[in-house]
Amino acid sequence: MPIGLLTPIGESLGVSVGANDIGVIAAMVLWGLAFGVVQLSQINLTLAAASYAFEATMSLNTMAYNTCIALGALIGGLLADHAGVTSVVRFGIVLVALAVILGAVTGQGTGKRAS
């Protein structure tokens, strides 16, 4: 699927999900589950990369995680102020698409490595 199609599809899903309370609750539950999985996966991958230095590894993991939250708030706030709230949704869709492409290209999550 071309990247250009992801934005309209994502926006239409976002609009339909936010149209009623059940859709909002379902979206929040899915977001919460995904958020928890990301943090656990990040910790596991970080520890696997440097298990010999647990304290330093967890310190760097926490720093990276909080830096990403701060950058997301900064970029989201700037986009919302200068381009409107819907631009934040579009930017999120683009980031997710890039993450999926990066995972597919590098072979992450499939048990194979790109050569």
PDB file of N, CA and C in Angstrom:
ATOM      1  N   MET A   1       0.847  -1.173   0.000  1.00  0.00           N
ATOM      2  CA  MET A   1       0.000   0.000   0.000  1.00  0.00           C
ATOM      3  C   MET A   1       0.891   1.234   0.000  1.00  0.00           C
ATOM      4  N   PRO A   2       0.694   2.151  -0.939  1.00  0.00           N
ATOM      5  CA  PRO A   2       1.502   3.370  -0.985  1.00  0.00           C
ATOM      6  C   PRO A   2       1.297   4.220   0.271  1.00  0.00           C
ATOM      7  N   ILE A   3       2.360   4.911   0.655  1.00  0.00           N
ATOM      8  CA  ILE A   3       2.320   5.742   1.860  1.00  0.00           C
ATOM      9  C   ILE A   3       1.250   6.818   1.732  1.00  0.00           C
ATOM     10  N   GLY A   4       1.047   7.357   0.547  1.00  0.00           N
ATOM     11  CA  GLY A   4       0.061   8.421   0.354  1.00  0.00           C
ATOM     12  C   GLY A   4      -1.353   7.999   0.740  1.00  0.00           C
ATOM     13  N   LEU A   5      -1.632   6.706   0.689  1.00  0.00           N
ATOM     14  CA  LEU A   5      -2.969   6.225   1.044  1.00  0.00           C
ATOM     15  C   LEU A   5      -3.158   6.094   2.550  1.00  0.00           C
ATOM     16  N   LEU A   6      -2.049   6.013   3.294  1.00  0.00           N
ATOM     17  CA  LEU A   6      -2.167   5.795   4.733  1.00  0.00           C
ATOM     18  C   LEU A   6      -2.809   6.987   5.447  1.00  0.00           C
ATOM     19  N   THR A   7      -2.501   8.195   5.011  1.00  0.00           N
ATOM     20  CA  THR A   7      -3.041   9.369   5.694  1.00  0.00           C
ATOM     21  C   THR A   7      -4.564   9.456   5.572  1.00  0.00           C
ATOM     22  N   PRO A   8      -5.139   9.367   4.372  1.00  0.00           N
ATOM     23  CA  PRO A   8      -6.606   9.432   4.306  1.00  0.00           C
ATOM     24  C   PRO A   8      -7.292   8.274   5.025  1.00  0.00           C
ATOM     25  N   ILE A   9      -6.701   7.082   4.930  1.00  0.00           N
ATOM     26  CA  ILE A   9      -7.291   5.930   5.616  1.00  0.00           C
ATOM     27  C   ILE A   9      -7.233   6.146   7.122  1.00  0.00           C
ATOM     28  N   GLY A  10      -6.083   6.571   7.613  1.00  0.00           N
ATOM     29  CA  GLY A  10      -5.932   6.816   9.044  1.00  0.00           C
ATOM     30  C   GLY A  10      -6.855   7.906   9.546  1.00  0.00           C
ATOM     31  N   GLU A  11      -6.996   8.968   8.763  1.00  0.00           N
ATOM     32  CA  GLU A  11      -7.887  10.044   9.179  1.00  0.00           C
ATOM     33  C   GLU A  11      -9.338   9.588   9.198  1.00  0.00           C
ATOM     34  N   SER A  12      -9.729   8.809   8.204  1.00  0.00           N
ATOM     35  CA  SER A  12     -11.122   8.357   8.194  1.00  0.00           C
ATOM     36  C   SER A  12     -11.385   7.406   9.352  1.00  0.00           C
ATOM     37  N   LEU A  13     -10.405   6.570   9.689  1.00  0.00           N
ATOM     38  CA  LEU A  13     -10.569   5.688  10.845  1.00  0.00           C
ATOM     39  C   LEU A  13     -10.633   6.505  12.127  1.00  0.00           C
ATOM     40  N   GLY A  14      -9.777   7.527  12.227  1.00  0.00           N
ATOM     41  CA  GLY A  14      -9.776   8.376  13.411  1.00  0.00           C
ATOM     42  C   GLY A  14     -11.079   9.114  13.584  1.00  0.00           C
ATOM     43  N   VAL A  15     -11.640   9.594  12.499  1.00  0.00           N
ATOM     44  CA  VAL A  15     -12.910  10.314  12.574  1.00  0.00           C
ATOM     45  C   VAL A  15     -14.026   9.360  12.969  1.00  0.00           C
ATOM     46  N   SER A  16     -14.040   8.158  12.382  1.00  0.00           N
ATOM     47  CA  SER A  16     -15.117   7.230  12.704  1.00  0.00           C
ATOM     48  C   SER A  16     -14.985   6.692  14.125  1.00  0.00           C
ATOM     49  N   VAL A  17     -13.750   6.512  14.601  1.00  0.00           N
ATOM     50  CA  VAL A  17     -13.564   6.015  15.957  1.00  0.00           C
ATOM     51  C   VAL A  17     -14.018   7.058  16.965  1.00  0.00           C
ATOM     52  N   GLY A  18     -13.762   8.341  16.701  1.00  0.00           N
ATOM     53  CA  GLY A  18     -14.114   9.399  17.630  1.00  0.00           C
ATOM     54  C   GLY A  18     -15.558   9.853  17.542  1.00  0.00           C
ATOM     55  N   ALA A  19     -16.359   9.192  16.704  1.00  0.00           N
ATOM     56  CA  ALA A  19     -17.728   9.630  16.505  1.00  0.00           C
ATOM     57  C   ALA A  19     -18.657   9.238  17.650  1.00  0.00           C
ATOM     58  N   ASN A  20     -18.277   8.235  18.449  1.00  0.00           N
ATOM     59  CA  ASN A  20     -19.126   7.825  19.564  1.00  0.00           C
ATOM     60  C   ASN A  20     -18.264   7.349  20.735  1.00  0.00           C
ATOM     61  N   ASP A  21     -18.898   7.180  21.875  1.00  0.00           N
ATOM     62  CA  ASP A  21     -18.159   6.813  23.083  1.00  0.00           C
ATOM     63  C   ASP A  21     -17.525   5.428  22.991  1.00  0.00           C
ATOM     64  N   ILE A  22     -18.190   4.474  22.354  1.00  0.00           N
ATOM     65  CA  ILE A  22     -17.656   3.121  22.240  1.00  0.00           C
ATOM     66  C   ILE A  22     -16.370   3.131  21.414  1.00  0.00           C
ATOM     67  N   GLY A  23     -16.360   3.902  20.333  1.00  0.00           N
ATOM     68  CA  GLY A  23     -15.159   4.008  19.506  1.00  0.00           C
ATOM     69  C   GLY A  23     -14.003   4.624  20.264  1.00  0.00           C
ATOM     70  N   VAL A  24     -14.289   5.641  21.053  1.00  0.00           N
ATOM     71  CA  VAL A  24     -13.240   6.299  21.841  1.00  0.00           C
ATOM     72  C   VAL A  24     -12.686   5.334  22.888  1.00  0.00           C
ATOM     73  N   ILE A  25     -13.560   4.610  23.559  1.00  0.00           N
ATOM     74  CA  ILE A  25     -13.120   3.650  24.575  1.00  0.00           C
ATOM     75  C   ILE A  25     -12.280   2.541  23.924  1.00  0.00           C
ATOM     76  N   ALA A  26     -12.721   2.034  22.781  1.00  0.00           N
ATOM     77  CA  ALA A  26     -11.968   0.993  22.080  1.00  0.00           C
ATOM     78  C   ALA A  26     -10.588   1.506  21.663  1.00  0.00           C
ATOM     79  N   ALA A  27     -10.533   2.735  21.157  1.00  0.00           N
ATOM     80  CA  ALA A  27      -9.247   3.313  20.752  1.00  0.00           C
ATOM     81  C   ALA A  27      -8.324   3.484  21.947  1.00  0.00           C
ATOM     82  N   MET A  28      -8.849   3.910  23.075  1.00  0.00           N
ATOM     83  CA  MET A  28      -8.026   4.093  24.271  1.00  0.00           C
ATOM     84  C   MET A  28      -7.504   2.754  24.802  1.00  0.00           C
ATOM     85  N   VAL A  29      -8.329   1.725  24.752  1.00  0.00           N
ATOM     86  CA  VAL A  29      -7.893   0.395  25.203  1.00  0.00           C
ATOM     87  C   VAL A  29      -6.777  -0.121  24.291  1.00  0.00           C
ATOM     88  N   LEU A  30      -6.961   0.008  22.978  1.00  0.00           N
ATOM     89  CA  LEU A  30      -5.925  -0.440  22.048  1.00  0.00           C
ATOM     90  C   LEU A  30      -4.635   0.352  22.234  1.00  0.00           C
ATOM     91  N   TRP A  31      -4.762   1.665  22.432  1.00  0.00           N
ATOM     92  CA  TRP A  31      -3.587   2.500  22.660  1.00  0.00           C
ATOM     93  C   TRP A  31      -2.868   2.062  23.934  1.00  0.00           C
ATOM     94  N   GLY A  32      -3.611   1.823  24.986  1.00  0.00           N
ATOM     95  CA  GLY A  32      -3.012   1.398  26.247  1.00  0.00           C
ATOM     96  C   GLY A  32      -2.278   0.077  26.123  1.00  0.00           C
ATOM     97  N   LEU A  33      -2.862  -0.879  25.428  1.00  0.00           N
ATOM     98  CA  LEU A  33      -2.197  -2.169  25.222  1.00  0.00           C
ATOM     99  C   LEU A  33      -0.922  -2.006  24.402  1.00  0.00           C
ATOM    100  N   ALA A  34      -1.005  -1.231  23.332  1.00  0.00           N
ATOM    101  CA  ALA A  34       0.170  -1.015  22.487  1.00  0.00           C
ATOM    102  C   ALA A  34       1.261  -0.284  23.250  1.00  0.00           C
ATOM    103  N   PHE A  35       0.884   0.687  24.061  1.00  0.00           N
ATOM    104  CA  PHE A  35       1.856   1.465  24.820  1.00  0.00           C
ATOM    105  C   PHE A  35       2.612   0.568  25.797  1.00  0.00           C
ATOM    106  N   GLY A  36       1.913  -0.324  26.458  1.00  0.00           N
ATOM    107  CA  GLY A  36       2.563  -1.243  27.389  1.00  0.00           C
ATOM    108  C   GLY A  36       3.500  -2.208  26.696  1.00  0.00           C
ATOM    109  N   VAL A  37       3.109  -2.692  25.537  1.00  0.00           N
ATOM    110  CA  VAL A  37       3.935  -3.634  24.789  1.00  0.00           C
ATOM    111  C   VAL A  37       5.215  -2.956  24.299  1.00  0.00           C
ATOM    112  N   VAL A  38       5.105  -1.716  23.873  1.00  0.00           N
ATOM    113  CA  VAL A  38       6.278  -1.001  23.378  1.00  0.00           C
ATOM    114  C   VAL A  38       7.312  -0.852  24.492  1.00  0.00           C
ATOM    115  N   GLN A  39       6.885  -0.453  25.664  1.00  0.00           N
ATOM    116  CA  GLN A  39       7.822  -0.253  26.771  1.00  0.00           C
ATOM    117  C   GLN A  39       8.501  -1.570  27.163  1.00  0.00           C
ATOM    118  N   LEU A  40       7.739  -2.632  27.280  1.00  0.00           N
ATOM    119  CA  LEU A  40       8.332  -3.929  27.629  1.00  0.00           C
ATOM    120  C   LEU A  40       9.292  -4.420  26.552  1.00  0.00           C
ATOM    121  N   SER A  41       8.927  -4.247  25.302  1.00  0.00           N
ATOM    122  CA  SER A  41       9.801  -4.664  24.208  1.00  0.00           C
ATOM    123  C   SER A  41      11.091  -3.862  24.205  1.00  0.00           C
ATOM    124  N   GLN A  42      10.972  -2.563  24.444  1.00  0.00           N
ATOM    125  CA  GLN A  42      12.155  -1.717  24.464  1.00  0.00           C
ATOM    126  C   GLN A  42      13.100  -2.134  25.592  1.00  0.00           C
ATOM    127  N   ILE A  43      12.568  -2.415  26.750  1.00  0.00           N
ATOM    128  CA  ILE A  43      13.399  -2.855  27.876  1.00  0.00           C
ATOM    129  C   ILE A  43      14.081  -4.180  27.553  1.00  0.00           C
ATOM    130  N   ASN A  44      13.348  -5.134  26.998  1.00  0.00           N
ATOM    131  CA  ASN A  44      13.924  -6.436  26.663  1.00  0.00           C
ATOM    132  C   ASN A  44      15.033  -6.316  25.630  1.00  0.00           C
ATOM    133  N   LEU A  45      14.812  -5.518  24.592  1.00  0.00           N
ATOM    134  CA  LEU A  45      15.832  -5.348  23.565  1.00  0.00           C
ATOM    135  C   LEU A  45      17.062  -4.627  24.112  1.00  0.00           C
ATOM    136  N   THR A  46      16.852  -3.643  24.965  1.00  0.00           N
ATOM    137  CA  THR A  46      17.970  -2.909  25.556  1.00  0.00           C
ATOM    138  C   THR A  46      18.802  -3.826  26.445  1.00  0.00           C
ATOM    139  N   LEU A  47      18.145  -4.608  27.270  1.00  0.00           N
ATOM    140  CA  LEU A  47      18.872  -5.530  28.147  1.00  0.00           C
ATOM    141  C   LEU A  47      19.582  -6.629  27.354  1.00  0.00           C
ATOM    142  N   ALA A  48      18.967  -7.079  26.282  1.00  0.00           N
ATOM    143  CA  ALA A  48      19.608  -8.102  25.458  1.00  0.00           C
ATOM    144  C   ALA A  48      20.875  -7.558  24.804  1.00  0.00           C
ATOM    145  N   ALA A  49      20.874  -6.269  24.482  1.00  0.00           N
ATOM    146  CA  ALA A  49      22.033  -5.667  23.832  1.00  0.00           C
ATOM    147  C   ALA A  49      23.184  -5.451  24.802  1.00  0.00           C
ATOM    148  N   ALA A  50      22.884  -5.176  26.072  1.00  0.00           N
ATOM    149  CA  ALA A  50      23.949  -4.890  27.044  1.00  0.00           C
ATOM    150  C   ALA A  50      23.557  -5.400  28.425  1.00  0.00           C
ATOM    151  N   SER A  51      23.389  -6.703  28.546  1.00  0.00           N
ATOM    152  CA  SER A  51      22.944  -7.281  29.817  1.00  0.00           C
ATOM    153  C   SER A  51      24.014  -7.220  30.910  1.00  0.00           C
ATOM    154  N   TYR A  52      25.247  -7.017  30.535  1.00  0.00           N
ATOM    155  CA  TYR A  52      26.340  -6.970  31.505  1.00  0.00           C
ATOM    156  C   TYR A  52      26.371  -5.673  32.308  1.00  0.00           C
ATOM    157  N   ALA A  53      25.655  -4.649  31.863  1.00  0.00           N
ATOM    158  CA  ALA A  53      25.658  -3.352  32.542  1.00  0.00           C
ATOM    159  C   ALA A  53      24.213  -2.923  32.794  1.00  0.00           C
ATOM    160  N   PHE A  54      23.527  -3.630  33.677  1.00  0.00           N
ATOM    161  CA  PHE A  54      22.096  -3.427  33.893  1.00  0.00           C
ATOM    162  C   PHE A  54      21.756  -1.982  34.261  1.00  0.00           C
ATOM    163  N   GLU A  55      22.462  -1.387  35.245  1.00  0.00           N
ATOM    164  CA  GLU A  55      22.118  -0.049  35.714  1.00  0.00           C
ATOM    165  C   GLU A  55      22.320   0.992  34.620  1.00  0.00           C
ATOM    166  N   ALA A  56      23.440   0.914  33.927  1.00  0.00           N
ATOM    167  CA  ALA A  56      23.711   1.869  32.851  1.00  0.00           C
ATOM    168  C   ALA A  56      22.710   1.699  31.708  1.00  0.00           C
ATOM    169  N   THR A  57      22.389   0.451  31.404  1.00  0.00           N
ATOM    170  CA  THR A  57      21.444   0.176  30.324  1.00  0.00           C
ATOM    171  C   THR A  57      20.063   0.734  30.639  1.00  0.00           C
ATOM    172  N   MET A  58      19.593   0.516  31.847  1.00  0.00           N
ATOM    173  CA  MET A  58      18.271   1.018  32.228  1.00  0.00           C
ATOM    174  C   MET A  58      18.264   2.540  32.318  1.00  0.00           C
ATOM    175  N   SER A  59      19.378   3.129  32.729  1.00  0.00           N
ATOM    176  CA  SER A  59      19.485   4.578  32.779  1.00  0.00           C
ATOM    177  C   SER A  59      19.373   5.173  31.375  1.00  0.00           C
ATOM    178  N   LEU A  60      20.092   4.600  30.429  1.00  0.00           N
ATOM    179  CA  LEU A  60      20.016   5.080  29.046  1.00  0.00           C
ATOM    180  C   LEU A  60      18.633   4.839  28.444  1.00  0.00           C
ATOM    181  N   ASN A  61      18.019   3.711  28.777  1.00  0.00           N
ATOM    182  CA  ASN A  61      16.681   3.409  28.288  1.00  0.00           C
ATOM    183  C   ASN A  61      15.685   4.450  28.788  1.00  0.00           C
ATOM    184  N   THR A  62      15.762   4.783  30.066  1.00  0.00           N
ATOM    185  CA  THR A  62      14.851   5.769  30.644  1.00  0.00           C
ATOM    186  C   THR A  62      15.079   7.146  30.028  1.00  0.00           C
ATOM    187  N   MET A  63      16.347   7.504  29.841  1.00  0.00           N
ATOM    188  CA  MET A  63      16.655   8.791  29.228  1.00  0.00           C
ATOM    189  C   MET A  63      16.100   8.870  27.799  1.00  0.00           C
ATOM    190  N   ALA A  64      16.299   7.818  27.026  1.00  0.00           N
ATOM    191  CA  ALA A  64      15.805   7.801  25.651  1.00  0.00           C
ATOM    192  C   ALA A  64      14.284   7.872  25.616  1.00  0.00           C
ATOM    193  N   TYR A  65      13.639   7.137  26.496  1.00  0.00           N
ATOM    194  CA  TYR A  65      12.176   7.109  26.526  1.00  0.00           C
ATOM    195  C   TYR A  65      11.611   8.489  26.882  1.00  0.00           C
ATOM    196  N   ASN A  66      12.169   9.121  27.904  1.00  0.00           N
ATOM    197  CA  ASN A  66      11.683  10.443  28.313  1.00  0.00           C
ATOM    198  C   ASN A  66      12.017  11.517  27.291  1.00  0.00           C
ATOM    199  N   THR A  67      13.160  11.380  26.627  1.00  0.00           N
ATOM    200  CA  THR A  67      13.509  12.331  25.565  1.00  0.00           C
ATOM    201  C   THR A  67      12.510  12.239  24.420  1.00  0.00           C
ATOM    202  N   CYS A  68      12.131  11.029  24.069  1.00  0.00           N
ATOM    203  CA  CYS A  68      11.139  10.854  22.995  1.00  0.00           C
ATOM    204  C   CYS A  68       9.784  11.434  23.382  1.00  0.00           C
ATOM    205  N   ILE A  69       9.389  11.284  24.627  1.00  0.00           N
ATOM    206  CA  ILE A  69       8.128  11.871  25.082  1.00  0.00           C
ATOM    207  C   ILE A  69       8.205  13.391  24.992  1.00  0.00           C
ATOM    208  N   ALA A  70       9.324  13.967  25.430  1.00  0.00           N
ATOM    209  CA  ALA A  70       9.483  15.421  25.382  1.00  0.00           C
ATOM    210  C   ALA A  70       9.495  15.926  23.943  1.00  0.00           C
ATOM    211  N   LEU A  71      10.204  15.245  23.058  1.00  0.00           N
ATOM    212  CA  LEU A  71      10.226  15.658  21.656  1.00  0.00           C
ATOM    213  C   LEU A  71       8.850  15.527  21.007  1.00  0.00           C
ATOM    214  N   GLY A  72       8.129  14.473  21.356  1.00  0.00           N
ATOM    215  CA  GLY A  72       6.770  14.311  20.831  1.00  0.00           C
ATOM    216  C   GLY A  72       5.855  15.439  21.280  1.00  0.00           C
ATOM    217  N   ALA A  73       5.980  15.835  22.543  1.00  0.00           N
ATOM    218  CA  ALA A  73       5.171  16.951  23.046  1.00  0.00           C
ATOM    219  C   ALA A  73       5.554  18.252  22.352  1.00  0.00           C
ATOM    220  N   LEU A  74       6.849  18.467  22.153  1.00  0.00           N
ATOM    221  CA  LEU A  74       7.309  19.688  21.490  1.00  0.00           C
ATOM    222  C   LEU A  74       6.827  19.752  20.048  1.00  0.00           C
ATOM    223  N   ILE A  75       7.072  18.688  19.299  1.00  0.00           N
ATOM    224  CA  ILE A  75       6.672  18.667  17.887  1.00  0.00           C
ATOM    225  C   ILE A  75       5.157  18.719  17.752  1.00  0.00           C
ATOM    226  N   GLY A  76       4.451  17.950  18.581  1.00  0.00           N
ATOM    227  CA  GLY A  76       2.988  17.975  18.543  1.00  0.00           C
ATOM    228  C   GLY A  76       2.434  19.346  18.880  1.00  0.00           C
ATOM    229  N   GLY A  77       3.001  20.009  19.874  1.00  0.00           N
ATOM    230  CA  GLY A  77       2.554  21.349  20.240  1.00  0.00           C
ATOM    231  C   GLY A  77       2.813  22.357  19.139  1.00  0.00           C
ATOM    232  N   LEU A  78       3.996  22.288  18.531  1.00  0.00           N
ATOM    233  CA  LEU A  78       4.307  23.212  17.435  1.00  0.00           C
ATOM    234  C   LEU A  78       3.386  22.980  16.241  1.00  0.00           C
ATOM    235  N   LEU A  79       3.167  21.715  15.909  1.00  0.00           N
ATOM    236  CA  LEU A  79       2.261  21.411  14.799  1.00  0.00           C
ATOM    237  C   LEU A  79       0.842  21.886  15.094  1.00  0.00           C
ATOM    238  N   ALA A  80       0.372  21.642  16.299  1.00  0.00           N
ATOM    239  CA  ALA A  80      -0.988  22.055  16.665  1.00  0.00           C
ATOM    240  C   ALA A  80      -1.126  23.573  16.617  1.00  0.00           C
ATOM    241  N   ASP A  81      -0.109  24.289  17.078  1.00  0.00           N
ATOM    242  CA  ASP A  81      -0.160  25.750  17.071  1.00  0.00           C
ATOM    243  C   ASP A  81      -0.103  26.334  15.670  1.00  0.00           C
ATOM    244  N   HIS A  82       0.732  25.767  14.812  1.00  0.00           N
ATOM    245  CA  HIS A  82       0.990  26.389  13.513  1.00  0.00           C
ATOM    246  C   HIS A  82       0.226  25.768  12.349  1.00  0.00           C
ATOM    247  N   ALA A  83      -0.182  24.509  12.465  1.00  0.00           N
ATOM    248  CA  ALA A  83      -0.841  23.855  11.333  1.00  0.00           C
ATOM    249  C   ALA A  83      -2.179  23.224  11.708  1.00  0.00           C
ATOM    250  N   GLY A  84      -2.608  23.351  12.944  1.00  0.00           N
ATOM    251  CA  GLY A  84      -3.886  22.801  13.364  1.00  0.00           C
ATOM    252  C   GLY A  84      -3.750  21.415  13.976  1.00  0.00           C
ATOM    253  N   VAL A  85      -4.769  21.030  14.716  1.00  0.00           N
ATOM    254  CA  VAL A  85      -4.741  19.764  15.452  1.00  0.00           C
ATOM    255  C   VAL A  85      -4.692  18.565  14.512  1.00  0.00           C
ATOM    256  N   THR A  86      -5.349  18.642  13.377  1.00  0.00           N
ATOM    257  CA  THR A  86      -5.339  17.493  12.460  1.00  0.00           C
ATOM    258  C   THR A  86      -3.944  17.211  11.922  1.00  0.00           C
ATOM    259  N   SER A  87      -3.068  18.214  11.884  1.00  0.00           N
ATOM    260  CA  SER A  87      -1.700  17.974  11.420  1.00  0.00           C
ATOM    261  C   SER A  87      -0.958  17.047  12.373  1.00  0.00           C
ATOM    262  N   VAL A  88      -1.304  17.075  13.662  1.00  0.00           N
ATOM    263  CA  VAL A  88      -0.677  16.181  14.629  1.00  0.00           C
ATOM    264  C   VAL A  88      -1.059  14.736  14.329  1.00  0.00           C
ATOM    265  N   VAL A  89      -2.322  14.517  13.976  1.00  0.00           N
ATOM    266  CA  VAL A  89      -2.781  13.169  13.609  1.00  0.00           C
ATOM    267  C   VAL A  89      -2.056  12.704  12.355  1.00  0.00           C
ATOM    268  N   ARG A  90      -1.948  13.585  11.371  1.00  0.00           N
ATOM    269  CA  ARG A  90      -1.250  13.219  10.130  1.00  0.00           C
ATOM    270  C   ARG A  90       0.213  12.887  10.405  1.00  0.00           C
ATOM    271  N   PHE A  91       0.847  13.672  11.241  1.00  0.00           N
ATOM    272  CA  PHE A  91       2.247  13.427  11.589  1.00  0.00           C
ATOM    273  C   PHE A  91       2.387  12.073  12.300  1.00  0.00           C
ATOM    274  N   GLY A  92       1.463  11.757  13.190  1.00  0.00           N
ATOM    275  CA  GLY A  92       1.484  10.460  13.868  1.00  0.00           C
ATOM    276  C   GLY A  92       1.331   9.311  12.900  1.00  0.00           C
ATOM    277  N   ILE A  93       0.463   9.473  11.926  1.00  0.00           N
ATOM    278  CA  ILE A  93       0.257   8.431  10.914  1.00  0.00           C
ATOM    279  C   ILE A  93       1.533   8.231  10.104  1.00  0.00           C
ATOM    280  N   VAL A  94       2.194   9.321   9.748  1.00  0.00           N
ATOM    281  CA  VAL A  94       3.450   9.230   8.995  1.00  0.00           C
ATOM    282  C   VAL A  94       4.519   8.525   9.831  1.00  0.00           C
ATOM    283  N   LEU A  95       4.604   8.852  11.125  1.00  0.00           N
ATOM    284  CA  LEU A  95       5.593   8.193  11.991  1.00  0.00           C
ATOM    285  C   LEU A  95       5.335   6.689  12.103  1.00  0.00           C
ATOM    286  N   VAL A  96       4.076   6.312  12.234  1.00  0.00           N
ATOM    287  CA  VAL A  96       3.745   4.885  12.311  1.00  0.00           C
ATOM    288  C   VAL A  96       4.096   4.189  11.000  1.00  0.00           C
ATOM    289  N   ALA A  97       3.791   4.837   9.881  1.00  0.00           N
ATOM    290  CA  ALA A  97       4.122   4.253   8.578  1.00  0.00           C
ATOM    291  C   ALA A  97       5.628   4.080   8.433  1.00  0.00           C
ATOM    292  N   LEU A  98       6.398   5.077   8.863  1.00  0.00           N
ATOM    293  CA  LEU A  98       7.858   4.967   8.800  1.00  0.00           C
ATOM    294  C   LEU A  98       8.376   3.851   9.698  1.00  0.00           C
ATOM    295  N   ALA A  99       7.774   3.686  10.867  1.00  0.00           N
ATOM    296  CA  ALA A  99       8.191   2.612  11.774  1.00  0.00           C
ATOM    297  C   ALA A  99       7.897   1.244  11.172  1.00  0.00           C
ATOM    298  N   VAL A 100       6.749   1.103  10.538  1.00  0.00           N
ATOM    299  CA  VAL A 100       6.392  -0.169   9.894  1.00  0.00           C
ATOM    300  C   VAL A 100       7.359  -0.468   8.753  1.00  0.00           C
ATOM    301  N   ILE A 101       7.669   0.557   7.958  1.00  0.00           N
ATOM    302  CA  ILE A 101       8.608   0.370   6.843  1.00  0.00           C
ATOM    303  C   ILE A 101       9.989   0.010   7.374  1.00  0.00           C
ATOM    304  N   LEU A 102      10.455   0.704   8.398  1.00  0.00           N
ATOM    305  CA  LEU A 102      11.764   0.416   8.981  1.00  0.00           C
ATOM    306  C   LEU A 102      11.821  -1.008   9.533  1.00  0.00           C
ATOM    307  N   GLY A 103      10.757  -1.427  10.207  1.00  0.00           N
ATOM    308  CA  GLY A 103      10.705  -2.795  10.714  1.00  0.00           C
ATOM    309  C   GLY A 103      10.715  -3.822   9.604  1.00  0.00           C
ATOM    310  N   ALA A 104      10.009  -3.530   8.514  1.00  0.00           N
ATOM    311  CA  ALA A 104       9.965  -4.462   7.387  1.00  0.00           C
ATOM    312  C   ALA A 104      11.311  -4.538   6.674  1.00  0.00           C
ATOM    313  N   VAL A 105      11.970  -3.402   6.528  1.00  0.00           N
ATOM    314  CA  VAL A 105      13.247  -3.366   5.816  1.00  0.00           C
ATOM    315  C   VAL A 105      14.356  -4.027   6.627  1.00  0.00           C
ATOM    316  N   THR A 106      14.362  -3.803   7.928  1.00  0.00           N
ATOM    317  CA  THR A 106      15.432  -4.355   8.760  1.00  0.00           C
ATOM    318  C   THR A 106      15.148  -5.770   9.234  1.00  0.00           C
ATOM    319  N   GLY A 107      13.918  -6.246   9.068  1.00  0.00           N
ATOM    320  CA  GLY A 107      13.583  -7.598   9.491  1.00  0.00           C
ATOM    321  C   GLY A 107      13.305  -7.706  10.981  1.00  0.00           C
ATOM    322  N   GLN A 108      13.111  -6.593  11.669  1.00  0.00           N
ATOM    323  CA  GLN A 108      12.833  -6.622  13.094  1.00  0.00           C
ATOM    324  C   GLN A 108      11.457  -7.228  13.333  1.00  0.00           C
ATOM    325  N   GLY A 109      11.358  -8.058  14.341  1.00  0.00           N
ATOM    326  CA  GLY A 109      10.077  -8.637  14.720  1.00  0.00           C
ATOM    327  C   GLY A 109       9.721  -9.905  13.961  1.00  0.00           C
ATOM    328  N   THR A 110      10.535 -10.272  12.976  1.00  0.00           N
ATOM    329  CA  THR A 110      10.221 -11.466  12.205  1.00  0.00           C
ATOM    330  C   THR A 110      11.190 -12.600  12.474  1.00  0.00           C
ATOM    331  N   GLY A 111      12.209 -12.318  13.280  1.00  0.00           N
ATOM    332  CA  GLY A 111      13.197 -13.340  13.573  1.00  0.00           C
ATOM    333  C   GLY A 111      14.293 -13.431  12.509  1.00  0.00           C
ATOM    334  N   LYS A 112      14.224 -12.602  11.470  1.00  0.00           N
ATOM    335  CA  LYS A 112      15.265 -12.602  10.451  1.00  0.00           C
ATOM    336  C   LYS A 112      15.936 -11.248  10.421  1.00  0.00           C
ATOM    337  N   ARG A 113      17.138 -11.212   9.966  1.00  0.00           N
ATOM    338  CA  ARG A 113      17.912  -9.982   9.858  1.00  0.00           C
ATOM    339  C   ARG A 113      18.153  -9.663   8.398  1.00  0.00           C
ATOM    340  N   ALA A 114      18.092  -8.371   8.096  1.00  0.00           N
ATOM    341  CA  ALA A 114      18.422  -7.954   6.733  1.00  0.00           C
ATOM    342  C   ALA A 114      19.923  -8.097   6.541  1.00  0.00           C
ATOM    343  N   SER A 115      20.327  -8.522   5.374  1.00  0.00           N
ATOM    344  CA  SER A 115      21.766  -8.707   5.141  1.00  0.00           C
ATOM    345  C   SER A 115      22.353  -7.599   4.314  1.00  0.00           C
TER     346      SER A 115
END
